[in-house]
Amino acid sequence: MTWPSMTSLVAVLAPLVAAPMGLVVLYLKAVHDGLTERCHQLSRQLEQCSERLAHLGDELSAVQRNYTTKEEWLRESLLTRQALERIGEALTRLSRS
């Protein structure tokens, strides 16, 4: 094959290859743009979730400060039980007399 015939062959085949290749490039660019936008959306949602989680942690800390600790609850329940036992003993003494 001579150079002039090769150049004419390339000139004929170039549009046949360039058109599908252009479509593939445009398709891949659209996919890339879609993925980039989705990544930004997920990033924003993750930031919002992080902010909400921090806010929830603050609220839980506030709630925990309003309630007694386990040790305080055990001490209070023990004192209540002792008071109920004393009331029960007093009632049994009253019923015997």
C-alpha atoms as a PDB file:
ATOM      1  CA  MET A   1       0.000   0.000   0.000  1.00  0.00           C
ATOM      2  CA  THR A   2       1.245   3.420  -0.844  1.00  0.00           C
ATOM      3  CA  TRP A   3       1.099   6.499   1.301  1.00  0.00           C
ATOM      4  CA  PRO A   4      -1.620   8.229  -0.700  1.00  0.00           C
ATOM      5  CA  SER A   5      -3.890   5.167  -0.527  1.00  0.00           C
ATOM      6  CA  MET A   6      -3.240   4.809   3.237  1.00  0.00           C
ATOM      7  CA  THR A   7      -4.102   8.438   3.841  1.00  0.00           C
ATOM      8  CA  SER A   8      -7.304   8.121   1.846  1.00  0.00           C
ATOM      9  CA  LEU A   9      -8.199   4.963   3.789  1.00  0.00           C
ATOM     10  CA  VAL A  10      -7.593   6.730   7.102  1.00  0.00           C
ATOM     11  CA  ALA A  11      -9.612   9.710   5.860  1.00  0.00           C
ATOM     12  CA  VAL A  12     -12.542   7.410   5.082  1.00  0.00           C
ATOM     13  CA  LEU A  13     -12.330   5.400   8.329  1.00  0.00           C
ATOM     14  CA  ALA A  14     -11.743   8.358  10.665  1.00  0.00           C
ATOM     15  CA  PRO A  15     -15.386   9.523  10.766  1.00  0.00           C
ATOM     16  CA  LEU A  16     -16.523   5.931  11.322  1.00  0.00           C
ATOM     17  CA  VAL A  17     -14.311   5.698  14.409  1.00  0.00           C
ATOM     18  CA  ALA A  18     -14.626   9.303  15.601  1.00  0.00           C
ATOM     19  CA  ALA A  19     -18.438   9.398  15.805  1.00  0.00           C
ATOM     20  CA  PRO A  20     -18.828   6.370  18.134  1.00  0.00           C
ATOM     21  CA  MET A  21     -15.762   7.456  20.088  1.00  0.00           C
ATOM     22  CA  GLY A  22     -17.279  10.919  20.558  1.00  0.00           C
ATOM     23  CA  LEU A  23     -20.505   9.347  21.837  1.00  0.00           C
ATOM     24  CA  VAL A  24     -18.536   7.181  24.257  1.00  0.00           C
ATOM     25  CA  VAL A  25     -16.635  10.221  25.505  1.00  0.00           C
ATOM     26  CA  LEU A  26     -19.864  12.192  26.002  1.00  0.00           C
ATOM     27  CA  TYR A  27     -21.484   9.245  27.792  1.00  0.00           C
ATOM     28  CA  LEU A  28     -18.492   8.827  30.097  1.00  0.00           C
ATOM     29  CA  LYS A  29     -18.478  12.564  30.828  1.00  0.00           C
ATOM     30  CA  ALA A  30     -22.181  12.411  31.758  1.00  0.00           C
ATOM     31  CA  VAL A  31     -21.528   9.431  34.031  1.00  0.00           C
ATOM     32  CA  HIS A  32     -18.605  11.256  35.636  1.00  0.00           C
ATOM     33  CA  ASP A  33     -20.692  14.396  36.191  1.00  0.00           C
ATOM     34  CA  GLY A  34     -23.505  12.331  37.705  1.00  0.00           C
ATOM     35  CA  LEU A  35     -21.123  10.543  40.041  1.00  0.00           C
ATOM     36  CA  THR A  36     -19.500  13.816  41.043  1.00  0.00           C
ATOM     37  CA  GLU A  37     -22.891  15.364  41.864  1.00  0.00           C
ATOM     38  CA  ARG A  38     -23.941  12.253  43.807  1.00  0.00           C
ATOM     39  CA  CYS A  39     -20.668  12.360  45.744  1.00  0.00           C
ATOM     40  CA  HIS A  40     -21.317  15.993  46.687  1.00  0.00           C
ATOM     41  CA  GLN A  41     -24.861  15.127  47.784  1.00  0.00           C
ATOM     42  CA  LEU A  42     -23.627  12.256  49.935  1.00  0.00           C
ATOM     43  CA  SER A  43     -20.960  14.503  51.413  1.00  0.00           C
ATOM     44  CA  ARG A  44     -23.583  17.100  52.363  1.00  0.00           C
ATOM     45  CA  GLN A  45     -25.827  14.403  53.848  1.00  0.00           C
ATOM     46  CA  LEU A  46     -22.909  13.014  55.843  1.00  0.00           C
ATOM     47  CA  GLU A  47     -22.109  16.468  57.199  1.00  0.00           C
ATOM     48  CA  GLN A  48     -25.760  16.952  58.173  1.00  0.00           C
ATOM     49  CA  CYS A  49     -25.819  13.561  59.896  1.00  0.00           C
ATOM     50  CA  SER A  50     -22.618  14.443  61.721  1.00  0.00           C
ATOM     51  CA  GLU A  51     -24.113  17.737  62.909  1.00  0.00           C
ATOM     52  CA  ARG A  52     -27.321  16.015  64.006  1.00  0.00           C
ATOM     53  CA  LEU A  53     -25.332  13.344  65.835  1.00  0.00           C
ATOM     54  CA  ALA A  54     -23.317  16.009  67.675  1.00  0.00           C
ATOM     55  CA  HIS A  55     -26.566  17.788  68.583  1.00  0.00           C
ATOM     56  CA  LEU A  56     -28.055  14.504  69.801  1.00  0.00           C
ATOM     57  CA  GLY A  57     -24.956  13.898  71.930  1.00  0.00           C
ATOM     58  CA  ASP A  58     -25.358  17.327  73.498  1.00  0.00           C
ATOM     59  CA  GLU A  59     -29.028  16.638  74.234  1.00  0.00           C
ATOM     60  CA  LEU A  60     -28.214  13.260  75.751  1.00  0.00           C
ATOM     61  CA  SER A  61     -25.607  14.872  77.978  1.00  0.00           C
ATOM     62  CA  ALA A  62     -28.206  17.376  79.151  1.00  0.00           C
ATOM     63  CA  VAL A  63     -30.699  14.596  79.867  1.00  0.00           C
ATOM     64  CA  GLN A  64     -28.114  12.558  81.773  1.00  0.00           C
ATOM     65  CA  ARG A  65     -27.334  15.567  83.961  1.00  0.00           C
ATOM     66  CA  ASN A  66     -31.036  15.823  84.858  1.00  0.00           C
ATOM     67  CA  TYR A  67     -31.259  12.222  86.093  1.00  0.00           C
ATOM     68  CA  THR A  68     -29.523  10.467  88.934  1.00  0.00           C
ATOM     69  CA  THR A  69     -26.597   8.148  88.475  1.00  0.00           C
ATOM     70  CA  LYS A  70     -26.907   4.440  89.162  1.00  0.00           C
ATOM     71  CA  GLU A  71     -25.172   4.758  92.522  1.00  0.00           C
ATOM     72  CA  GLU A  72     -27.539   7.548  93.600  1.00  0.00           C
ATOM     73  CA  TRP A  73     -30.518   5.489  92.489  1.00  0.00           C
ATOM     74  CA  LEU A  74     -29.318   2.462  94.467  1.00  0.00           C
ATOM     75  CA  ARG A  75     -28.746   4.595  97.573  1.00  0.00           C
ATOM     76  CA  GLU A  76     -32.196   6.203  97.261  1.00  0.00           C
ATOM     77  CA  SER A  77     -33.901   2.854  96.709  1.00  0.00           C
ATOM     78  CA  LEU A  78     -32.105   1.404  99.763  1.00  0.00           C
ATOM     79  CA  LEU A  79     -33.226   4.344 101.908  1.00  0.00           C
ATOM     80  CA  THR A  80     -36.791   3.938 100.618  1.00  0.00           C
ATOM     81  CA  ARG A  81     -36.741   0.226 101.399  1.00  0.00           C
ATOM     82  CA  GLN A  82     -35.507   0.928 104.939  1.00  0.00           C
ATOM     83  CA  ALA A  83     -38.247   3.515 105.418  1.00  0.00           C
ATOM     84  CA  LEU A  84     -40.879   1.016 104.207  1.00  0.00           C
ATOM     85  CA  GLU A  85     -39.526  -1.614 106.605  1.00  0.00           C
ATOM     86  CA  ARG A  86     -39.774   0.839 109.506  1.00  0.00           C
ATOM     87  CA  ILE A  87     -43.360   1.686 108.511  1.00  0.00           C
ATOM     88  CA  GLY A  88     -44.167  -2.016 108.315  1.00  0.00           C
ATOM     89  CA  GLU A  89     -42.668  -2.635 111.768  1.00  0.00           C
ATOM     90  CA  ALA A  90     -44.643   0.291 113.176  1.00  0.00           C
ATOM     91  CA  LEU A  91     -47.848  -1.074 111.688  1.00  0.00           C
ATOM     92  CA  THR A  92     -47.243  -4.537 113.116  1.00  0.00           C
ATOM     93  CA  ARG A  93     -46.584  -3.013 116.570  1.00  0.00           C
ATOM     94  CA  LEU A  94     -49.822  -1.027 116.299  1.00  0.00           C
ATOM     95  CA  SER A  95     -51.820  -4.043 115.229  1.00  0.00           C
ATOM     96  CA  ARG A  96     -50.458  -6.103 118.187  1.00  0.00           C
ATOM     97  CA  SER A  97     -51.393  -3.535 120.750  1.00  0.00           C
END
